[in-house]
Amino acid sequence: MYVDFNKKNIKFNIVKSNFLPIFTKYETRYLINKYFNNSFNSQSVRLENIEIDKNSELVILNLSETDFFSLLTSNIIYRKDIKDDDENIKEKLQQFKNQDVNDLTVLNNNNFSNNLAVSVMIEDINSQKLLVKRTSKVAIGTSLISVSATGGVDFDTISNPNPISTTVKKEIKEELGLNIEEKQVVLEGIFIGQYKLQPVVICSVKLNNSFKDLKLYGEDTKFEIDEIHIVTNHELHNYLECPMSEAARFQIKKILKLV
């Protein structure tokens, strides 16, 4: 599913969460320790729903509080092949996975945490794009080719005028060591993949200088990034053959006008 933000005004509302987790806190910790043991928790933003007013060209994103472990034990675990020995966990997992959920309906399901994330493609003054290969240390997207920067929207940004642009600025600084202004961030739309079922804001950033003149290294680079690739649009097409996330593949295809 894709909601295009082109020529639309975007408004952010803070609302009460409707999230109803399947697992207790103890069960969540059990699942995290067993299946996501390289992850750490943080307060995140849940996308409750999207309202579109076609008359005023307004898109309203209603946001609430959630956390990263809730994402792992709902949206992510839904497709994960798990056969647990604990009978109670096994029964709950089966109950959860028996739900018929897809990219068009996941925002209406209160058992999914639906943490909002960003997917950012950076372009320099020469129209070159920056791709990265994620490390094996990250909890999601392990060892995959990715766009320039990705990350979840932290709950502490929710009161900002534009929490998405704030998140993009922070992720680019942490992962690549680049300082950008929020006005450079273009919010293109929201994508939800059929497999991962997580809402992702597709974003782009245009730099006023060349990648070759920049030092691309931030405080999280070593942990999150194995390789950095500077590519032309023609070369970008070749990367579609590589393993990558649904959001990255969609974003690259969108740039190449293949979707």
C-alpha atoms as a PDB file:
ATOM      1  CA  MET A   1       0.000   0.000   0.000  1.00  0.00           C
ATOM      2  CA  TYR A   2       1.186   3.496  -0.784  1.00  0.00           C
ATOM      3  CA  VAL A   3      -0.346   6.847   0.175  1.00  0.00           C
ATOM      4  CA  ASP A   4       1.139   9.624  -1.968  1.00  0.00           C
ATOM      5  CA  PHE A   5       1.823  12.959  -0.242  1.00  0.00           C
ATOM      6  CA  ASN A   6       2.403  14.831  -3.520  1.00  0.00           C
ATOM      7  CA  LYS A   7       0.808  18.313  -3.394  1.00  0.00           C
ATOM      8  CA  LYS A   8      -0.707  17.504  -0.006  1.00  0.00           C
ATOM      9  CA  ASN A   9      -0.463  19.297   3.310  1.00  0.00           C
ATOM     10  CA  ILE A  10       0.449  17.046   6.222  1.00  0.00           C
ATOM     11  CA  LYS A  11      -0.831  17.422   9.768  1.00  0.00           C
ATOM     12  CA  PHE A  12       0.170  15.414  12.838  1.00  0.00           C
ATOM     13  CA  ASN A  13      -2.222  14.688  15.709  1.00  0.00           C
ATOM     14  CA  ILE A  14      -1.380  13.065  19.044  1.00  0.00           C
ATOM     15  CA  VAL A  15      -4.147  10.650  20.029  1.00  0.00           C
ATOM     16  CA  LYS A  16      -4.791   7.867  22.526  1.00  0.00           C
ATOM     17  CA  SER A  17      -3.342   4.487  21.569  1.00  0.00           C
ATOM     18  CA  ASN A  18      -5.683   1.670  20.525  1.00  0.00           C
ATOM     19  CA  PHE A  19      -2.913  -0.944  20.632  1.00  0.00           C
ATOM     20  CA  LEU A  20      -3.940  -4.177  22.370  1.00  0.00           C
ATOM     21  CA  PRO A  21      -0.891  -6.438  22.622  1.00  0.00           C
ATOM     22  CA  ILE A  22      -1.374 -10.184  22.378  1.00  0.00           C
ATOM     23  CA  PHE A  23       1.506 -10.930  24.732  1.00  0.00           C
ATOM     24  CA  THR A  24       2.023  -9.941  28.381  1.00  0.00           C
ATOM     25  CA  LYS A  25       5.159  -8.018  29.390  1.00  0.00           C
ATOM     26  CA  TYR A  26       6.723 -11.267  30.635  1.00  0.00           C
ATOM     27  CA  GLU A  27       5.895 -13.073  27.375  1.00  0.00           C
ATOM     28  CA  THR A  28       7.214 -10.157  25.346  1.00  0.00           C
ATOM     29  CA  ARG A  29      10.518 -10.271  27.216  1.00  0.00           C
ATOM     30  CA  TYR A  30      10.673 -14.049  26.714  1.00  0.00           C
ATOM     31  CA  LEU A  31      10.182 -13.666  22.937  1.00  0.00           C
ATOM     32  CA  ILE A  32      12.692 -10.817  22.690  1.00  0.00           C
ATOM     33  CA  ASN A  33      15.366 -12.747  24.550  1.00  0.00           C
ATOM     34  CA  LYS A  34      14.818 -15.877  22.472  1.00  0.00           C
ATOM     35  CA  TYR A  35      14.277 -14.497  18.966  1.00  0.00           C
ATOM     36  CA  PHE A  36      15.521 -10.862  18.933  1.00  0.00           C
ATOM     37  CA  ASN A  37      18.368 -10.955  21.448  1.00  0.00           C
ATOM     38  CA  ASN A  38      20.472  -8.281  19.686  1.00  0.00           C
ATOM     39  CA  SER A  39      17.755  -5.625  20.082  1.00  0.00           C
ATOM     40  CA  PHE A  40      17.128  -2.935  22.666  1.00  0.00           C
ATOM     41  CA  ASN A  41      13.886  -1.207  23.505  1.00  0.00           C
ATOM     42  CA  SER A  42      12.914   2.430  22.954  1.00  0.00           C
ATOM     43  CA  GLN A  43       9.746   4.482  23.049  1.00  0.00           C
ATOM     44  CA  SER A  44       8.320   4.822  19.561  1.00  0.00           C
ATOM     45  CA  VAL A  45       5.447   6.328  17.617  1.00  0.00           C
ATOM     46  CA  ARG A  46       2.451   4.260  16.540  1.00  0.00           C
ATOM     47  CA  LEU A  47       0.548   5.234  13.405  1.00  0.00           C
ATOM     48  CA  GLU A  48      -3.071   4.876  14.515  1.00  0.00           C
ATOM     49  CA  ASN A  49      -4.577   5.778  11.165  1.00  0.00           C
ATOM     50  CA  ILE A  50      -4.389   8.081   8.165  1.00  0.00           C
ATOM     51  CA  GLU A  51      -7.158  10.569   7.366  1.00  0.00           C
ATOM     52  CA  ILE A  52      -7.302  12.035   3.875  1.00  0.00           C
ATOM     53  CA  ASP A  53      -9.409  15.087   3.082  1.00  0.00           C
ATOM     54  CA  LYS A  54      -9.521  15.193  -0.708  1.00  0.00           C
ATOM     55  CA  ASN A  55     -11.297  18.546  -0.768  1.00  0.00           C
ATOM     56  CA  SER A  56      -8.556  20.394   1.120  1.00  0.00           C
ATOM     57  CA  GLU A  57      -5.647  18.178  -0.018  1.00  0.00           C
ATOM     58  CA  LEU A  58      -4.914  17.482   3.647  1.00  0.00           C
ATOM     59  CA  VAL A  59      -3.403  14.282   5.051  1.00  0.00           C
ATOM     60  CA  ILE A  60      -3.697  13.783   8.810  1.00  0.00           C
ATOM     61  CA  LEU A  61      -1.444  11.274  10.569  1.00  0.00           C
ATOM     62  CA  ASN A  62      -2.849  10.296  13.966  1.00  0.00           C
ATOM     63  CA  LEU A  63       0.003   9.216  16.233  1.00  0.00           C
ATOM     64  CA  SER A  64       0.289   7.607  19.651  1.00  0.00           C
ATOM     65  CA  GLU A  65       2.928   6.024  21.890  1.00  0.00           C
ATOM     66  CA  THR A  66       4.299   2.501  21.571  1.00  0.00           C
ATOM     67  CA  ASP A  67       7.729   0.840  21.842  1.00  0.00           C
ATOM     68  CA  PHE A  68      10.158  -1.116  19.679  1.00  0.00           C
ATOM     69  CA  PHE A  69       9.650  -4.462  21.422  1.00  0.00           C
ATOM     70  CA  SER A  70       5.939  -4.218  20.617  1.00  0.00           C
ATOM     71  CA  LEU A  71       6.812  -3.903  16.935  1.00  0.00           C
ATOM     72  CA  LEU A  72       9.040  -6.982  17.082  1.00  0.00           C
ATOM     73  CA  THR A  73       6.370  -9.042  18.846  1.00  0.00           C
ATOM     74  CA  SER A  74       3.550  -8.021  16.508  1.00  0.00           C
ATOM     75  CA  ASN A  75       4.293  -6.756  12.963  1.00  0.00           C
ATOM     76  CA  ILE A  76       7.646  -8.535  12.705  1.00  0.00           C
ATOM     77  CA  ILE A  77       6.796 -11.807  14.450  1.00  0.00           C
ATOM     78  CA  TYR A  78       3.581 -12.192  12.409  1.00  0.00           C
ATOM     79  CA  ARG A  79       5.596 -13.430   9.380  1.00  0.00           C
ATOM     80  CA  LYS A  80       8.476 -14.966  11.337  1.00  0.00           C
ATOM     81  CA  ASP A  81       8.671 -18.755  11.306  1.00  0.00           C
ATOM     82  CA  ILE A  82       8.592 -19.636  15.004  1.00  0.00           C
ATOM     83  CA  LYS A  83       7.858 -22.987  16.598  1.00  0.00           C
ATOM     84  CA  ASP A  84       8.125 -22.425  20.333  1.00  0.00           C
ATOM     85  CA  ASP A  85       8.163 -25.150  22.987  1.00  0.00           C
ATOM     86  CA  ASP A  86       6.204 -23.143  25.532  1.00  0.00           C
ATOM     87  CA  GLU A  87       2.565 -24.241  25.156  1.00  0.00           C
ATOM     88  CA  ASN A  88       1.095 -20.891  26.192  1.00  0.00           C
ATOM     89  CA  ILE A  89       3.358 -18.947  23.820  1.00  0.00           C
ATOM     90  CA  LYS A  90       2.653 -21.453  21.059  1.00  0.00           C
ATOM     91  CA  GLU A  91      -1.102 -21.053  21.500  1.00  0.00           C
ATOM     92  CA  LYS A  92      -0.930 -17.260  21.507  1.00  0.00           C
ATOM     93  CA  LEU A  93       1.335 -17.205  18.471  1.00  0.00           C
ATOM     94  CA  GLN A  94      -1.083 -19.438  16.591  1.00  0.00           C
ATOM     95  CA  GLN A  95      -4.019 -17.256  17.590  1.00  0.00           C
ATOM     96  CA  PHE A  96      -2.147 -14.162  16.438  1.00  0.00           C
ATOM     97  CA  LYS A  97      -0.940 -15.643  13.149  1.00  0.00           C
ATOM     98  CA  ASN A  98      -4.403 -16.993  12.304  1.00  0.00           C
ATOM     99  CA  GLN A  99      -5.597 -13.424  11.788  1.00  0.00           C
ATOM    100  CA  ASP A 100      -5.974 -12.453   8.142  1.00  0.00           C
ATOM    101  CA  VAL A 101      -3.924  -9.259   7.967  1.00  0.00           C
ATOM    102  CA  ASN A 102      -2.349  -7.538   4.973  1.00  0.00           C
ATOM    103  CA  ASP A 103      -0.862  -4.167   3.991  1.00  0.00           C
ATOM    104  CA  LEU A 104      -4.332  -2.698   3.394  1.00  0.00           C
ATOM    105  CA  THR A 105      -5.807  -3.761   6.742  1.00  0.00           C
ATOM    106  CA  VAL A 106      -2.935  -3.720   9.248  1.00  0.00           C
ATOM    107  CA  LEU A 107      -3.648  -0.158  10.433  1.00  0.00           C
ATOM    108  CA  ASN A 108      -7.140  -1.299  11.430  1.00  0.00           C
ATOM    109  CA  ASN A 109      -5.839  -4.162  13.580  1.00  0.00           C
ATOM    110  CA  ASN A 110      -5.263  -3.204  17.202  1.00  0.00           C
ATOM    111  CA  ASN A 111      -3.029  -6.228  17.851  1.00  0.00           C
ATOM    112  CA  PHE A 112      -0.295  -4.714  15.652  1.00  0.00           C
ATOM    113  CA  SER A 113       1.994  -2.039  17.054  1.00  0.00           C
ATOM    114  CA  ASN A 114       2.405  -0.317  13.647  1.00  0.00           C
ATOM    115  CA  ASN A 115       5.509   1.653  14.631  1.00  0.00           C
ATOM    116  CA  LEU A 116       6.169   4.477  12.194  1.00  0.00           C
ATOM    117  CA  ALA A 117       9.588   4.455  10.488  1.00  0.00           C
ATOM    118  CA  VAL A 118      11.415   6.527   7.875  1.00  0.00           C
ATOM    119  CA  SER A 119      13.228   5.436   4.712  1.00  0.00           C
ATOM    120  CA  VAL A 120      15.519   8.155   3.359  1.00  0.00           C
ATOM    121  CA  MET A 121      17.287   8.465   0.014  1.00  0.00           C
ATOM    122  CA  ILE A 122      19.980  11.145  -0.118  1.00  0.00           C
ATOM    123  CA  GLU A 123      21.008  12.687  -3.421  1.00  0.00           C
ATOM    124  CA  ASP A 124      24.018  14.969  -3.889  1.00  0.00           C
ATOM    125  CA  ILE A 125      24.491  17.954  -6.180  1.00  0.00           C
ATOM    126  CA  ASN A 126      25.601  15.576  -8.972  1.00  0.00           C
ATOM    127  CA  SER A 127      22.348  13.562  -8.712  1.00  0.00           C
ATOM    128  CA  GLN A 128      24.215  10.585  -7.285  1.00  0.00           C
ATOM    129  CA  LYS A 129      22.415   8.462  -4.684  1.00  0.00           C
ATOM    130  CA  LEU A 130      23.764   6.931  -1.487  1.00  0.00           C
ATOM    131  CA  LEU A 131      23.008   3.299  -0.637  1.00  0.00           C
ATOM    132  CA  VAL A 132      24.293   1.295   2.307  1.00  0.00           C
ATOM    133  CA  LYS A 133      24.613  -2.317   3.322  1.00  0.00           C
ATOM    134  CA  ARG A 134      23.341  -2.902   6.860  1.00  0.00           C
ATOM    135  CA  THR A 135      25.443  -4.830   9.358  1.00  0.00           C
ATOM    136  CA  SER A 136      24.573  -8.161  10.929  1.00  0.00           C
ATOM    137  CA  LYS A 137      24.161  -6.354  14.266  1.00  0.00           C
ATOM    138  CA  VAL A 138      20.914  -4.522  13.536  1.00  0.00           C
ATOM    139  CA  ALA A 139      17.614  -6.094  14.679  1.00  0.00           C
ATOM    140  CA  ILE A 140      15.767  -5.444  11.399  1.00  0.00           C
ATOM    141  CA  GLY A 141      17.168  -5.493   7.871  1.00  0.00           C
ATOM    142  CA  THR A 142      20.196  -7.551   8.855  1.00  0.00           C
ATOM    143  CA  SER A 143      22.917  -7.547   6.127  1.00  0.00           C
ATOM    144  CA  LEU A 144      20.527  -6.112   3.519  1.00  0.00           C
ATOM    145  CA  ILE A 145      21.155  -3.378   0.958  1.00  0.00           C
ATOM    146  CA  SER A 146      19.251  -0.290   2.060  1.00  0.00           C
ATOM    147  CA  VAL A 147      18.604   3.314   1.154  1.00  0.00           C
ATOM    148  CA  SER A 148      20.776   6.044   2.710  1.00  0.00           C
ATOM    149  CA  ALA A 149      19.271   6.044   6.202  1.00  0.00           C
ATOM    150  CA  THR A 150      16.407   4.366   8.026  1.00  0.00           C
ATOM    151  CA  GLY A 151      14.993   4.394  11.530  1.00  0.00           C
ATOM    152  CA  GLY A 152      11.975   4.458  13.748  1.00  0.00           C
ATOM    153  CA  VAL A 153      10.245   7.652  14.808  1.00  0.00           C
ATOM    154  CA  ASP A 154      11.028   8.227  18.496  1.00  0.00           C
ATOM    155  CA  PHE A 155       8.188   9.224  20.782  1.00  0.00           C
ATOM    156  CA  ASP A 156      10.139  12.222  22.104  1.00  0.00           C
ATOM    157  CA  THR A 157       9.759  13.861  18.671  1.00  0.00           C
ATOM    158  CA  ILE A 158       5.968  13.586  18.620  1.00  0.00           C
ATOM    159  CA  SER A 159       5.336  17.119  19.907  1.00  0.00           C
ATOM    160  CA  ASN A 160       7.588  18.670  17.238  1.00  0.00           C
ATOM    161  CA  PRO A 161       5.835  20.475  14.362  1.00  0.00           C
ATOM    162  CA  ASN A 162       7.084  17.740  12.000  1.00  0.00           C
ATOM    163  CA  PRO A 163       8.308  14.630  13.856  1.00  0.00           C
ATOM    164  CA  ILE A 164       9.173  12.914  10.555  1.00  0.00           C
ATOM    165  CA  SER A 165      11.614  15.602   9.400  1.00  0.00           C
ATOM    166  CA  THR A 166      13.111  15.709  12.897  1.00  0.00           C
ATOM    167  CA  THR A 167      13.662  11.939  12.762  1.00  0.00           C
ATOM    168  CA  VAL A 168      15.228  12.075   9.289  1.00  0.00           C
ATOM    169  CA  LYS A 169      17.657  14.783  10.423  1.00  0.00           C
ATOM    170  CA  LYS A 170      18.618  12.727  13.502  1.00  0.00           C
ATOM    171  CA  GLU A 171      19.071   9.433  11.611  1.00  0.00           C
ATOM    172  CA  ILE A 172      21.241  11.032   8.909  1.00  0.00           C
ATOM    173  CA  LYS A 173      23.432  12.616  11.579  1.00  0.00           C
ATOM    174  CA  GLU A 174      23.787   9.397  13.598  1.00  0.00           C
ATOM    175  CA  GLU A 175      24.255   6.975  10.710  1.00  0.00           C
ATOM    176  CA  LEU A 176      26.265   9.111   8.271  1.00  0.00           C
ATOM    177  CA  GLY A 177      27.569  12.101  10.248  1.00  0.00           C
ATOM    178  CA  LEU A 178      25.840  14.625   7.972  1.00  0.00           C
ATOM    179  CA  ASN A 179      24.163  17.774   9.234  1.00  0.00           C
ATOM    180  CA  ILE A 180      21.072  18.736   7.262  1.00  0.00           C
ATOM    181  CA  GLU A 181      18.234  21.186   7.802  1.00  0.00           C
ATOM    182  CA  GLU A 182      14.688  19.927   8.222  1.00  0.00           C
ATOM    183  CA  LYS A 183      13.584  22.054   5.264  1.00  0.00           C
ATOM    184  CA  GLN A 184      15.727  19.802   3.025  1.00  0.00           C
ATOM    185  CA  VAL A 185      13.548  16.797   3.895  1.00  0.00           C
ATOM    186  CA  VAL A 186      10.778  15.939   1.420  1.00  0.00           C
ATOM    187  CA  LEU A 187       8.025  13.629   2.685  1.00  0.00           C
ATOM    188  CA  GLU A 188       6.871  11.702  -0.371  1.00  0.00           C
ATOM    189  CA  GLY A 189       4.330   9.266   1.076  1.00  0.00           C
ATOM    190  CA  ILE A 190       3.684   6.294   3.345  1.00  0.00           C
ATOM    191  CA  PHE A 191       4.454   2.747   2.224  1.00  0.00           C
ATOM    192  CA  ILE A 192       3.326  -0.481   3.910  1.00  0.00           C
ATOM    193  CA  GLY A 193       4.889  -3.668   2.562  1.00  0.00           C
ATOM    194  CA  GLN A 194       2.939  -6.901   2.170  1.00  0.00           C
ATOM    195  CA  TYR A 195       5.481  -8.875   4.193  1.00  0.00           C
ATOM    196  CA  LYS A 196       6.781  -6.618   6.976  1.00  0.00           C
ATOM    197  CA  LEU A 197       3.474  -4.764   7.420  1.00  0.00           C
ATOM    198  CA  GLN A 198       5.149  -1.703   8.961  1.00  0.00           C
ATOM    199  CA  PRO A 199       4.206   1.858   7.939  1.00  0.00           C
ATOM    200  CA  VAL A 200       7.252   3.655   6.523  1.00  0.00           C
ATOM    201  CA  VAL A 201       7.433   7.308   5.463  1.00  0.00           C
ATOM    202  CA  ILE A 202       9.314   7.514   2.159  1.00  0.00           C
ATOM    203  CA  CYS A 203      11.585  10.577   2.302  1.00  0.00           C
ATOM    204  CA  SER A 204      14.224  12.233   0.149  1.00  0.00           C
ATOM    205  CA  VAL A 205      16.977  14.745   0.862  1.00  0.00           C
ATOM    206  CA  LYS A 206      18.865  16.820  -1.721  1.00  0.00           C
ATOM    207  CA  LEU A 207      22.345  18.008  -0.749  1.00  0.00           C
ATOM    208  CA  ASN A 208      24.021  21.166  -2.033  1.00  0.00           C
ATOM    209  CA  ASN A 209      27.421  19.499  -2.287  1.00  0.00           C
ATOM    210  CA  SER A 210      29.063  16.330  -3.590  1.00  0.00           C
ATOM    211  CA  PHE A 211      29.396  13.089  -1.646  1.00  0.00           C
ATOM    212  CA  LYS A 212      33.118  12.992  -2.498  1.00  0.00           C
ATOM    213  CA  ASP A 213      33.618  16.181  -0.478  1.00  0.00           C
ATOM    214  CA  LEU A 214      31.926  14.804   2.625  1.00  0.00           C
ATOM    215  CA  LYS A 215      33.121  12.634   5.490  1.00  0.00           C
ATOM    216  CA  LEU A 216      30.429   9.988   5.790  1.00  0.00           C
ATOM    217  CA  TYR A 217      30.812   8.725   9.337  1.00  0.00           C
ATOM    218  CA  GLY A 218      28.534   9.142  12.352  1.00  0.00           C
ATOM    219  CA  GLU A 219      28.323   7.790  15.877  1.00  0.00           C
ATOM    220  CA  ASP A 220      26.237   4.772  14.739  1.00  0.00           C
ATOM    221  CA  THR A 221      27.985   4.061  11.433  1.00  0.00           C
ATOM    222  CA  LYS A 222      30.120   1.204  12.734  1.00  0.00           C
ATOM    223  CA  PHE A 223      27.153  -0.515  14.368  1.00  0.00           C
ATOM    224  CA  GLU A 224      24.646  -0.052  11.540  1.00  0.00           C
ATOM    225  CA  ILE A 225      26.573   0.152   8.245  1.00  0.00           C
ATOM    226  CA  ASP A 226      28.977  -2.317   6.629  1.00  0.00           C
ATOM    227  CA  GLU A 227      29.341  -0.627   3.240  1.00  0.00           C
ATOM    228  CA  ILE A 228      28.514   2.704   1.587  1.00  0.00           C
ATOM    229  CA  HIS A 229      27.768   2.808  -2.156  1.00  0.00           C
ATOM    230  CA  ILE A 230      27.599   6.035  -4.183  1.00  0.00           C
ATOM    231  CA  VAL A 231      25.690   5.298  -7.381  1.00  0.00           C
ATOM    232  CA  THR A 232      24.153   6.892 -10.453  1.00  0.00           C
ATOM    233  CA  ASN A 233      20.541   6.269 -11.448  1.00  0.00           C
ATOM    234  CA  HIS A 234      21.740   3.802 -14.065  1.00  0.00           C
ATOM    235  CA  GLU A 235      23.719   1.882 -11.449  1.00  0.00           C
ATOM    236  CA  LEU A 236      20.785   2.098  -9.050  1.00  0.00           C
ATOM    237  CA  HIS A 237      18.807  -0.210 -11.305  1.00  0.00           C
ATOM    238  CA  ASN A 238      21.401  -2.973 -10.861  1.00  0.00           C
ATOM    239  CA  TYR A 239      20.922  -2.961  -7.079  1.00  0.00           C
ATOM    240  CA  LEU A 240      17.365  -4.206  -7.472  1.00  0.00           C
ATOM    241  CA  GLU A 241      18.946  -7.640  -7.933  1.00  0.00           C
ATOM    242  CA  CYS A 242      20.304  -7.502  -4.359  1.00  0.00           C
ATOM    243  CA  PRO A 243      18.484  -8.626  -1.195  1.00  0.00           C
ATOM    244  CA  MET A 244      16.848  -5.572   0.363  1.00  0.00           C
ATOM    245  CA  SER A 245      13.834  -4.529   2.394  1.00  0.00           C
ATOM    246  CA  GLU A 246      10.430  -4.013   0.783  1.00  0.00           C
ATOM    247  CA  ALA A 247      10.545  -0.276   1.539  1.00  0.00           C
ATOM    248  CA  ALA A 248      14.010   0.158  -0.012  1.00  0.00           C
ATOM    249  CA  ARG A 249      12.996  -1.789  -3.118  1.00  0.00           C
ATOM    250  CA  PHE A 250       9.807   0.243  -3.489  1.00  0.00           C
ATOM    251  CA  GLN A 251      11.683   3.525  -3.029  1.00  0.00           C
ATOM    252  CA  ILE A 252      14.327   2.646  -5.616  1.00  0.00           C
ATOM    253  CA  LYS A 253      11.641   1.537  -8.087  1.00  0.00           C
ATOM    254  CA  LYS A 254       9.799   4.804  -7.428  1.00  0.00           C
ATOM    255  CA  ILE A 255      12.937   6.806  -8.231  1.00  0.00           C
ATOM    256  CA  LEU A 256      13.403   4.795 -11.445  1.00  0.00           C
ATOM    257  CA  LYS A 257       9.703   5.257 -12.272  1.00  0.00           C
ATOM    258  CA  LEU A 258       9.088   1.498 -12.227  1.00  0.00           C
ATOM    259  CA  VAL A 259       6.031   1.838  -9.934  1.00  0.00           C
END
